[in-house]
Amino acid sequence: MTREQFRPADHPHDHFLLTTVVGSYPKPKWLHRARDLWNDDESKVDDEDFEEAKDDASRLITKEHERAGIDAVVDGEMRRNEMVEYFAHRIDGCECNGPVKVWGHNYFDKPSVVEEISYAEEWLVSEYEFTSTVTEQPVKVPITGPYTLANWSFNEVYNSETDLAYEFADLVNEEVEQLVEAGARYIQIDEPALATTPDDHAIVGECLERIVDGIPEDVRIGLHVCYGDYSRIYPEILEFPVHEFDVELCNGDYEQLDVFTEHEFTKDLALGVVDVHDKEVESVDQIKENIKKGLEVVPPEQLTVSPDCGLKLLPRDSAYQKMENLVTATREVEADLDAGEIEYGNPTVPADD
């Protein structure tokens, strides 16, 4: 099992539920100010100043995750401006020409693929190496997946979006190989587009096959899929070459939990137990009840505990308190499991007859 490498040496319980976060976290206000000044031609803030600001923010937020007690931490994606644009700027053949309205009053700089794409520079290796120097905790690396990169870009070159997704997958494989060489052992592929176009799960599966090609078996690969109709991709996603599926169920009050009990869940389940769309902080007792819902699907050795999605849209104090309560609840559930006070197990799957 790839999860045991993340168990702390001084873990107080026999049972171990891995705690982590999905990725993003609220940026300090001063980091937004530093970016504004860096973009201002009349400002004296230069590239070196802005890099120092991002280093400071990364160090601060990583320590915040560590202080909350998270087992596998992330730096909150302090260096990233947006989950597709960030990568497009580092891929030859992509260009960004201005913001596109996506919903409500939200915009993002949608990339255009104007030439055959190629791997131009590392994307996250420096980020991973820096984060690893400021924490003693294992560091997880979230990467936007190739299907989402293709789906959220204008395709002006390739015959189909599918062809473009496969090309992006080969580039993600290159980046993952470099991350592994740098020491990364926990990599999460983010595919929010799969929730909106679930009929393409076979394409995502092929992309993942390309991504993990040549990657050592001890490297934990997770797949995060945002809220959607999971019945349209489950149980087919169990064929994907990943160790862990991260799903967003708390925001929907676990109405889709039974989707995952109709067939044996043979992978690890990363269950969202706090709502990232509500600044109200869940109590420890409430989170414990949410964790127990995961135990209706998988046994403890297959359960990872996390927020529903990235925390970046929350006030920072709410985001931190949710993480801290998440960890406290998880450790209490572990103690209850050790004491035999919690029963768990997949409900009996109905027979075909």
Protein backbone atom coordinates (compact mmCIF):
# COMPACT_ATOMS: atom_id res chain seq x y z
CA MET A 1 0.00 0.00 0.00
CA THR A 2 1.42 3.38 -0.99
CA ARG A 3 -0.27 5.16 1.94
CA GLU A 4 1.86 3.64 4.73
CA GLN A 5 4.86 5.76 3.74
CA PHE A 6 2.86 8.80 4.92
CA ARG A 7 2.13 7.45 8.40
CA PRO A 8 4.04 9.58 10.95
CA ALA A 9 6.64 7.65 12.93
CA ASP A 10 5.00 8.80 16.19
CA HIS A 11 1.41 8.20 15.07
CA PRO A 12 -0.58 7.56 18.27
CA HIS A 13 -3.09 5.04 16.93
CA ASP A 14 -3.05 1.59 15.36
CA HIS A 15 -5.47 2.80 12.69
CA PHE A 16 -4.26 5.45 10.26
CA LEU A 17 -6.55 7.61 8.16
CA LEU A 18 -4.38 9.72 5.87
CA THR A 19 -5.24 13.44 6.03
CA THR A 20 -4.46 15.82 3.19
CA VAL A 21 -5.85 18.79 1.26
CA VAL A 22 -6.90 19.02 -2.36
CA GLY A 23 -4.62 21.91 -3.26
CA SER A 24 -5.51 25.60 -3.27
CA TYR A 25 -5.70 27.81 -0.17
CA PRO A 26 -6.52 31.48 0.43
CA LYS A 27 -3.58 33.69 -0.48
CA PRO A 28 -2.40 36.31 2.02
CA LYS A 29 -3.70 39.76 1.06
CA TRP A 30 -0.16 41.06 0.80
CA LEU A 31 0.64 38.50 -1.89
CA HIS A 32 -2.19 39.85 -4.06
CA ARG A 33 -0.82 43.33 -3.43
CA ALA A 34 2.69 42.21 -4.42
CA ARG A 35 1.33 40.77 -7.69
CA ASP A 36 -0.50 44.02 -8.45
CA LEU A 37 2.66 46.03 -7.85
CA TRP A 38 4.73 43.61 -9.93
CA ASN A 39 2.30 44.12 -12.83
CA ASP A 40 2.42 47.91 -12.43
CA ASP A 41 4.98 49.44 -14.80
CA GLU A 42 5.40 52.40 -12.44
CA SER A 43 6.13 50.19 -9.44
CA LYS A 44 9.63 49.39 -8.20
CA VAL A 45 8.65 45.79 -7.40
CA ASP A 46 10.72 43.63 -9.74
CA ASP A 47 10.89 39.90 -10.54
CA GLU A 48 13.22 39.20 -7.64
CA ASP A 49 10.92 40.99 -5.18
CA PHE A 50 7.88 39.10 -6.41
CA GLU A 51 9.69 35.75 -6.23
CA GLU A 52 10.62 36.52 -2.64
CA ALA A 53 6.98 37.31 -1.85
CA LYS A 54 5.85 33.99 -3.34
CA ASP A 55 8.54 32.15 -1.38
CA ASP A 56 7.36 33.81 1.82
CA ALA A 57 3.72 32.96 1.11
CA SER A 58 4.60 29.36 0.26
CA ARG A 59 6.59 29.02 3.47
CA LEU A 60 3.80 30.59 5.55
CA ILE A 61 0.94 28.49 4.17
CA THR A 62 2.92 25.24 4.22
CA LYS A 63 3.59 25.84 7.90
CA GLU A 64 -0.11 26.59 8.38
CA HIS A 65 -0.96 23.16 6.96
CA GLU A 66 1.71 21.61 9.16
CA ARG A 67 0.44 23.39 12.27
CA ALA A 68 -3.08 22.12 11.58
CA GLY A 69 -1.65 18.58 11.63
CA ILE A 70 -2.21 17.61 7.98
CA ASP A 71 -0.26 14.44 7.10
CA ALA A 72 0.50 15.25 3.44
CA VAL A 73 0.73 19.00 2.89
CA VAL A 74 0.61 21.38 -0.08
CA ASP A 75 1.83 24.98 -0.20
CA GLY A 76 -1.69 26.14 -1.06
CA GLU A 77 -0.64 26.77 -4.69
CA MET A 78 0.74 30.17 -3.71
CA ARG A 79 2.70 30.45 -6.96
CA ARG A 80 -0.23 29.60 -9.22
CA ASN A 81 -2.66 32.17 -10.54
CA GLU A 82 -5.13 29.73 -12.15
CA MET A 83 -5.20 25.98 -12.71
CA VAL A 84 -4.98 26.00 -16.52
CA GLU A 85 -3.37 29.33 -17.37
CA TYR A 86 -0.43 28.63 -15.04
CA PHE A 87 0.55 25.54 -17.02
CA ALA A 88 -0.22 27.03 -20.45
CA HIS A 89 2.37 29.75 -19.87
CA ARG A 90 4.97 26.99 -19.45
CA ILE A 91 4.06 24.92 -22.51
CA ASP A 92 5.41 25.72 -25.97
CA GLY A 93 2.57 25.98 -28.47
CA CYS A 94 0.13 27.63 -26.05
CA GLU A 95 -0.62 31.31 -25.73
CA CYS A 96 -3.04 33.34 -23.63
CA ASN A 97 -4.74 36.32 -25.24
CA GLY A 98 -6.97 37.70 -22.52
CA PRO A 99 -9.74 36.76 -20.10
CA VAL A 100 -12.81 34.76 -21.12
CA LYS A 101 -16.05 34.83 -19.10
CA VAL A 102 -16.85 31.37 -17.80
CA TRP A 103 -19.76 31.86 -15.37
CA GLY A 104 -21.36 34.72 -13.49
CA HIS A 105 -18.72 37.38 -13.07
CA ASN A 106 -15.82 34.92 -13.19
CA TYR A 107 -13.15 35.07 -15.88
CA PHE A 108 -9.97 33.19 -16.68
CA ASP A 109 -7.28 33.63 -19.29
CA LYS A 110 -8.30 30.74 -21.56
CA PRO A 111 -5.29 29.44 -23.49
CA SER A 112 -5.17 28.85 -27.22
CA VAL A 113 -3.16 25.97 -28.69
CA VAL A 114 -1.65 27.65 -31.76
CA GLU A 115 1.19 25.23 -32.55
CA GLU A 116 2.09 21.64 -31.75
CA ILE A 117 2.69 21.57 -28.01
CA SER A 118 5.94 20.55 -26.36
CA TYR A 119 7.53 20.46 -22.92
CA ALA A 120 9.38 23.76 -22.65
CA GLU A 121 10.29 24.06 -18.96
CA GLU A 122 9.54 22.39 -15.65
CA TRP A 123 6.16 23.28 -14.17
CA LEU A 124 6.20 22.31 -10.51
CA VAL A 125 9.58 20.78 -9.69
CA SER A 126 10.95 24.01 -8.19
CA GLU A 127 7.72 24.49 -6.25
CA TYR A 128 7.98 20.95 -4.85
CA GLU A 129 11.68 21.30 -3.98
CA PHE A 130 11.11 24.59 -2.15
CA THR A 131 8.11 23.28 -0.21
CA SER A 132 10.07 20.19 0.80
CA THR A 133 12.74 22.37 2.40
CA VAL A 134 10.31 24.20 4.69
CA THR A 135 8.40 21.23 6.13
CA GLU A 136 9.16 17.84 7.60
CA GLN A 137 5.78 16.56 6.38
CA PRO A 138 5.38 14.67 3.09
CA VAL A 139 4.45 17.04 0.26
CA LYS A 140 1.66 16.27 -2.20
CA VAL A 141 1.81 17.79 -5.69
CA PRO A 142 -1.47 18.63 -7.47
CA ILE A 143 -1.29 18.92 -11.28
CA THR A 144 -4.06 19.96 -13.63
CA GLY A 145 -4.84 16.92 -15.76
CA PRO A 146 -4.49 16.68 -19.54
CA TYR A 147 -8.19 16.24 -20.23
CA THR A 148 -9.01 19.49 -18.41
CA LEU A 149 -6.08 21.29 -20.06
CA ALA A 150 -7.49 20.29 -23.45
CA ASN A 151 -11.14 20.88 -22.60
CA TRP A 152 -10.50 24.35 -21.21
CA SER A 153 -8.30 25.52 -24.13
CA PHE A 154 -9.05 26.68 -27.66
CA ASN A 155 -7.75 24.01 -30.04
CA GLU A 156 -6.44 25.55 -33.28
CA VAL A 157 -4.03 22.77 -34.28
CA TYR A 158 -5.08 19.21 -33.51
CA ASN A 159 -7.76 17.20 -35.30
CA SER A 160 -9.76 16.71 -32.13
CA GLU A 161 -9.84 17.61 -28.47
CA THR A 162 -9.06 13.96 -27.74
CA ASP A 163 -5.83 14.13 -29.74
CA LEU A 164 -4.91 17.28 -27.85
CA ALA A 165 -5.63 15.62 -24.50
CA TYR A 166 -3.28 12.74 -25.36
CA GLU A 167 -0.53 15.19 -26.29
CA PHE A 168 -1.00 17.02 -22.99
CA ALA A 169 -0.87 13.65 -21.20
CA ASP A 170 2.58 12.95 -22.63
CA LEU A 171 3.77 16.32 -21.30
CA VAL A 172 2.28 15.62 -17.86
CA ASN A 173 4.18 12.32 -17.91
CA GLU A 174 7.43 14.24 -18.49
CA GLU A 175 6.67 16.52 -15.55
CA VAL A 176 5.73 13.64 -13.26
CA GLU A 177 8.97 11.85 -14.13
CA GLN A 178 10.94 14.96 -13.11
CA LEU A 179 8.92 15.32 -9.90
CA VAL A 180 9.60 11.69 -9.01
CA GLU A 181 13.30 12.20 -9.69
CA ALA A 182 13.19 15.21 -7.32
CA GLY A 183 11.66 13.00 -4.61
CA ALA A 184 7.88 13.43 -4.95
CA ARG A 185 5.90 10.41 -3.81
CA TYR A 186 2.32 11.75 -3.80
CA ILE A 187 0.94 13.27 -7.00
CA GLN A 188 -2.66 14.27 -7.59
CA ILE A 189 -4.11 14.72 -11.07
CA ASP A 190 -6.96 17.26 -11.10
CA GLU A 191 -9.66 16.63 -13.69
CA PRO A 192 -12.60 18.96 -12.91
CA ALA A 193 -13.70 18.83 -16.57
CA LEU A 194 -14.57 15.14 -16.19
CA ALA A 195 -17.47 16.06 -13.91
CA THR A 196 -19.00 18.20 -16.66
CA THR A 197 -18.39 15.75 -19.52
CA PRO A 198 -18.52 12.33 -17.82
CA ASP A 199 -19.08 10.40 -21.04
CA ASP A 200 -15.39 10.95 -21.82
CA HIS A 201 -14.14 8.83 -18.92
CA ALA A 202 -12.43 6.44 -21.38
CA ILE A 203 -10.35 9.34 -22.72
CA VAL A 204 -9.33 10.29 -19.19
CA GLY A 205 -8.38 6.67 -18.54
CA GLU A 206 -6.13 6.60 -21.60
CA CYS A 207 -4.56 9.90 -20.53
CA LEU A 208 -3.80 8.45 -17.11
CA GLU A 209 -2.21 5.37 -18.69
CA ARG A 210 0.15 7.69 -20.53
CA ILE A 211 0.87 9.72 -17.39
CA VAL A 212 1.86 6.75 -15.21
CA ASP A 213 3.93 5.03 -17.89
CA GLY A 214 7.34 4.36 -16.35
CA ILE A 215 6.41 5.77 -12.91
CA PRO A 216 7.58 3.64 -9.94
CA GLU A 217 4.89 1.70 -8.08
CA ASP A 218 5.68 3.39 -4.76
CA VAL A 219 4.58 6.80 -6.10
CA ARG A 220 1.04 7.44 -4.96
CA ILE A 221 -1.17 8.72 -7.78
CA GLY A 222 -4.52 10.30 -6.94
CA LEU A 223 -7.30 11.63 -9.15
CA HIS A 224 -9.49 14.50 -7.98
CA VAL A 225 -12.87 14.89 -9.69
CA CYS A 226 -15.06 17.83 -8.67
CA TYR A 227 -18.78 17.62 -7.99
CA GLY A 228 -20.88 16.02 -10.72
CA ASP A 229 -23.00 12.98 -11.48
CA TYR A 230 -20.65 10.26 -10.30
CA SER A 231 -23.05 7.52 -11.39
CA ARG A 232 -22.00 8.31 -14.97
CA ILE A 233 -18.36 7.46 -14.31
CA TYR A 234 -18.57 4.80 -11.58
CA PRO A 235 -17.61 1.95 -11.49
CA GLU A 236 -15.78 2.51 -14.81
CA ILE A 237 -13.19 4.75 -13.12
CA LEU A 238 -12.03 1.81 -11.01
CA GLU A 239 -10.14 0.72 -14.12
CA PHE A 240 -8.03 3.90 -14.04
CA PRO A 241 -4.35 3.34 -13.10
CA VAL A 242 -4.48 5.39 -9.89
CA HIS A 243 -4.34 4.51 -6.20
CA GLU A 244 -6.88 7.01 -4.92
CA PHE A 245 -10.05 8.80 -6.03
CA ASP A 246 -10.80 12.15 -4.43
CA VAL A 247 -14.49 13.08 -4.63
CA GLU A 248 -16.60 16.06 -3.57
CA LEU A 249 -19.59 14.82 -1.57
CA CYS A 250 -19.89 17.03 1.52
CA ASN A 251 -21.38 19.97 -0.40
CA GLY A 252 -24.12 17.65 -1.68
CA ASP A 253 -24.82 16.28 1.82
CA TYR A 254 -23.56 12.86 0.69
CA GLU A 255 -26.63 12.24 -1.49
CA GLN A 256 -24.43 10.32 -3.95
CA LEU A 257 -22.68 8.15 -1.39
CA ASP A 258 -24.73 5.12 -2.40
CA VAL A 259 -23.29 5.35 -5.93
CA PHE A 260 -20.04 4.02 -4.52
CA THR A 261 -21.61 1.17 -2.55
CA GLU A 262 -23.31 -0.48 -5.53
CA HIS A 263 -19.96 -1.97 -6.58
CA GLU A 264 -16.96 -2.78 -4.39
CA PHE A 265 -14.71 0.28 -4.15
CA THR A 266 -11.37 -1.33 -4.94
CA LYS A 267 -9.23 1.83 -4.81
CA ASP A 268 -8.57 4.22 -1.94
CA LEU A 269 -11.28 6.81 -1.33
CA ALA A 270 -10.31 10.41 -0.55
CA LEU A 271 -13.52 11.76 0.93
CA GLY A 272 -14.36 15.44 1.26
CA VAL A 273 -15.56 15.99 4.82
CA VAL A 274 -15.72 19.80 4.96
CA ASP A 275 -17.59 22.08 2.54
CA VAL A 276 -15.29 24.51 0.71
CA HIS A 277 -18.24 26.62 -0.46
CA ASP A 278 -19.44 27.55 3.04
CA LYS A 279 -17.35 29.67 5.40
CA GLU A 280 -19.21 28.22 8.39
CA VAL A 281 -16.76 25.89 10.13
CA GLU A 282 -18.01 22.38 10.75
CA SER A 283 -17.70 21.09 14.32
CA VAL A 284 -15.39 18.21 15.14
CA ASP A 285 -18.40 16.01 15.90
CA GLN A 286 -20.00 16.84 12.56
CA ILE A 287 -16.80 16.02 10.69
CA LYS A 288 -16.54 12.73 12.57
CA GLU A 289 -19.98 11.77 11.28
CA ASN A 290 -18.86 12.70 7.75
CA ILE A 291 -15.76 10.53 8.07
CA LYS A 292 -17.92 7.61 9.16
CA LYS A 293 -19.83 7.93 5.88
CA GLY A 294 -16.58 7.08 4.11
CA LEU A 295 -16.34 3.95 6.23
CA GLU A 296 -19.63 2.84 4.70
CA VAL A 297 -17.75 2.57 1.39
CA VAL A 298 -14.22 1.44 2.28
CA PRO A 299 -12.38 0.07 5.33
CA PRO A 300 -10.08 2.43 7.29
CA GLU A 301 -6.94 1.35 5.43
CA GLN A 302 -8.48 2.67 2.19
CA LEU A 303 -9.83 5.99 3.51
CA THR A 304 -8.19 9.38 3.04
CA VAL A 305 -9.73 12.43 4.70
CA SER A 306 -9.68 15.81 2.94
CA PRO A 307 -11.75 18.91 2.20
CA ASP A 308 -14.23 18.68 -0.68
CA CYS A 309 -11.99 20.71 -3.00
CA GLY A 310 -9.51 23.59 -2.85
CA LEU A 311 -10.06 26.04 0.00
CA LYS A 312 -9.02 29.22 -1.84
CA LEU A 313 -12.46 30.87 -1.92
CA LEU A 314 -12.88 30.81 1.87
CA PRO A 315 -11.73 33.41 4.41
CA ARG A 316 -8.33 32.28 5.59
CA ASP A 317 -9.37 31.86 9.22
CA SER A 318 -12.26 29.62 8.15
CA ALA A 319 -9.97 27.57 5.91
CA TYR A 320 -7.50 27.01 8.72
CA GLN A 321 -10.14 26.10 11.31
CA LYS A 322 -11.71 23.60 8.90
CA MET A 323 -8.33 21.92 8.46
CA GLU A 324 -7.63 21.87 12.19
CA ASN A 325 -11.08 20.41 12.98
CA LEU A 326 -10.66 17.88 10.15
CA VAL A 327 -7.45 16.59 11.70
CA THR A 328 -8.87 16.51 15.23
CA ALA A 329 -11.93 14.60 14.03
CA THR A 330 -9.78 12.13 12.09
CA ARG A 331 -7.57 11.35 15.08
CA GLU A 332 -10.66 10.86 17.28
CA VAL A 333 -12.18 8.48 14.72
CA GLU A 334 -8.89 6.53 14.69
CA ALA A 335 -9.03 6.22 18.48
CA ASP A 336 -12.64 5.04 18.30
CA LEU A 337 -11.65 2.47 15.67
CA ASP A 338 -8.83 1.23 17.90
CA ALA A 339 -11.32 0.84 20.72
CA GLY A 340 -13.73 -1.08 18.51
CA GLU A 341 -16.40 1.58 18.95
CA ILE A 342 -17.05 2.07 15.22
CA GLU A 343 -18.41 -0.58 12.94
CA TYR A 344 -17.57 -0.26 9.30
CA GLY A 345 -18.01 -2.13 6.08
CA ASN A 346 -19.53 -1.93 2.66
CA PRO A 347 -23.26 -2.71 2.71
CA THR A 348 -24.11 -5.98 1.00
CA VAL A 349 -24.11 -5.54 -2.75
CA PRO A 350 -27.48 -6.70 -4.17
CA ALA A 351 -27.25 -9.96 -6.09
CA ASP A 352 -27.88 -9.84 -9.82
CA ASP A 353 -30.94 -12.03 -9.39
